[in-house]
Every structure is written in structure tokens, then in C-alpha cells.
Amino acid sequence: VIQGGRKDQTKLFDILHRLDGMVEGPYLCGETVTVADCAAFPFLWRINAAIGLNKCLNLEQWLQHCQDCNPAFSKTVQSAWWWWW
């Protein structure tokens, strides 16, 4: 999907919308950072930067909260250049 394979976007967004409904906030599993946040952040940040989260408001708020409130997350953000070898 990221590298131009749009045929799987529908399936990806179906999964993202299900995940969006599970966000307990402000982090994925509630009030504190868990391994789920650490594992999901780089992937979901990249999806959001490349194609957007398709109106997954809870995930968008979660991404923003992670970046604004926890400097460790911001340190993992890389610009898109490194994906295109």
C-alpha cells in the first residue's frame, strides 16, 4: 500500500477503522504507554504520513498525543527519504 499498491487499501483501512474503535486513550490501552504504543507508533506514523489514516480520529489523536507528550516517540520519526532506496 505504501509503495503504490492501492489494491489493498480497502483491507488496510478496514483494519485501521477496527483498531480506531479500540483506542482507550490517551494511549492505545489506556492512561500509560505500553509496548503496544511502542510497536504501533512507527508503523501508524508512516501510514499517516504517506496516505493518511482515512478519518480514524482516535488514531490521529493518539499519534498527536504521542508526539506532543512523549519525546521518546518523536525521536523515532524519520522523514520518508529512507524508505526509497
Protein backbone atom coordinates (compact mmCIF):
# COMPACT_ATOMS: atom_id res chain seq x y z
CA VAL A 1 0.00 0.00 0.00
CA ILE A 2 2.76 2.43 0.94
CA GLN A 3 4.75 1.89 -2.22
CA GLY A 4 1.85 2.41 -4.56
CA GLY A 5 -0.11 -0.83 -4.18
CA ARG A 6 -3.55 0.71 -3.86
CA LYS A 7 -5.44 -2.56 -4.35
CA ASP A 8 -5.00 -3.45 -0.67
CA GLN A 9 -6.01 -0.04 0.74
CA THR A 10 -9.58 -1.11 1.41
CA LYS A 11 -8.42 -4.02 3.55
CA LEU A 12 -5.89 -1.82 5.36
CA PHE A 13 -8.48 0.84 6.15
CA ASP A 14 -10.95 -1.79 7.36
CA ILE A 15 -8.33 -2.94 9.86
CA LEU A 16 -7.42 0.63 10.84
CA HIS A 17 -11.07 1.51 11.49
CA ARG A 18 -11.42 -1.55 13.74
CA LEU A 19 -8.26 -0.54 15.61
CA ASP A 20 -9.55 3.03 15.85
CA GLY A 21 -12.58 1.77 17.74
CA MET A 22 -10.36 0.00 20.28
CA VAL A 23 -8.24 3.01 21.30
CA GLU A 24 -8.84 3.59 25.01
CA GLY A 25 -6.82 6.82 25.09
CA PRO A 26 -4.82 8.76 25.51
CA TYR A 27 -2.60 5.78 24.68
CA LEU A 28 -3.79 2.66 22.87
CA CYS A 29 -4.50 0.70 26.04
CA GLY A 30 -5.36 3.49 28.43
CA GLU A 31 -3.59 6.05 30.56
CA THR A 32 0.01 4.82 30.26
CA VAL A 33 2.39 3.94 27.47
CA THR A 34 2.59 0.21 26.77
CA VAL A 35 4.53 -1.97 24.37
CA ALA A 36 1.51 -1.71 22.05
CA ASP A 37 2.15 2.03 21.64
CA CYS A 38 5.86 1.49 21.06
CA ALA A 39 5.24 -1.18 18.43
CA ALA A 40 2.39 0.60 16.62
CA PHE A 41 3.69 4.17 16.57
CA PRO A 42 6.36 3.91 13.82
CA PHE A 43 4.08 1.94 11.51
CA LEU A 44 0.99 4.11 12.02
CA TRP A 45 3.02 7.31 11.82
CA ARG A 46 4.34 6.16 8.43
CA ILE A 47 0.88 5.18 7.20
CA ASN A 48 -0.45 8.58 8.28
CA ALA A 49 2.42 10.45 6.61
CA ALA A 50 2.11 8.52 3.34
CA ILE A 51 -1.62 8.08 2.78
CA GLY A 52 -3.43 9.35 5.87
CA LEU A 53 -5.45 7.42 8.40
CA ASN A 54 -8.74 7.83 6.48
CA LYS A 55 -10.73 9.55 9.23
CA CYS A 56 -9.58 7.30 12.07
CA LEU A 57 -9.96 10.12 14.57
CA ASN A 58 -8.90 8.15 17.65
CA LEU A 59 -5.69 7.02 15.96
CA GLU A 60 -4.99 10.53 14.71
CA GLN A 61 -5.44 11.93 18.24
CA TRP A 62 -3.27 9.13 19.64
CA LEU A 63 -0.47 9.89 17.16
CA GLN A 64 -0.61 13.57 18.04
CA HIS A 65 -0.65 12.85 21.77
CA CYS A 66 2.36 10.52 21.49
CA GLN A 67 4.35 13.13 19.59
CA ASP A 68 3.34 16.05 21.80
CA CYS A 69 3.53 14.43 25.24
CA ASN A 70 6.32 11.92 25.00
CA PRO A 71 9.65 12.95 23.43
CA ALA A 72 10.70 9.32 23.01
CA PHE A 73 8.10 8.86 20.28
CA SER A 74 9.19 11.95 18.38
CA LYS A 75 12.74 10.62 18.29
CA THR A 76 11.58 7.63 16.22
CA VAL A 77 10.08 9.75 13.44
CA GLN A 78 12.12 9.68 10.24
CA SER A 79 11.40 11.51 7.04
CA ALA A 80 10.21 9.47 4.09
CA TRP A 81 13.54 9.57 2.27
CA TRP A 82 14.87 6.45 3.96
CA TRP A 83 12.02 4.28 2.60
CA TRP A 84 13.07 4.86 -1.01
CA TRP A 85 16.45 3.23 -1.51
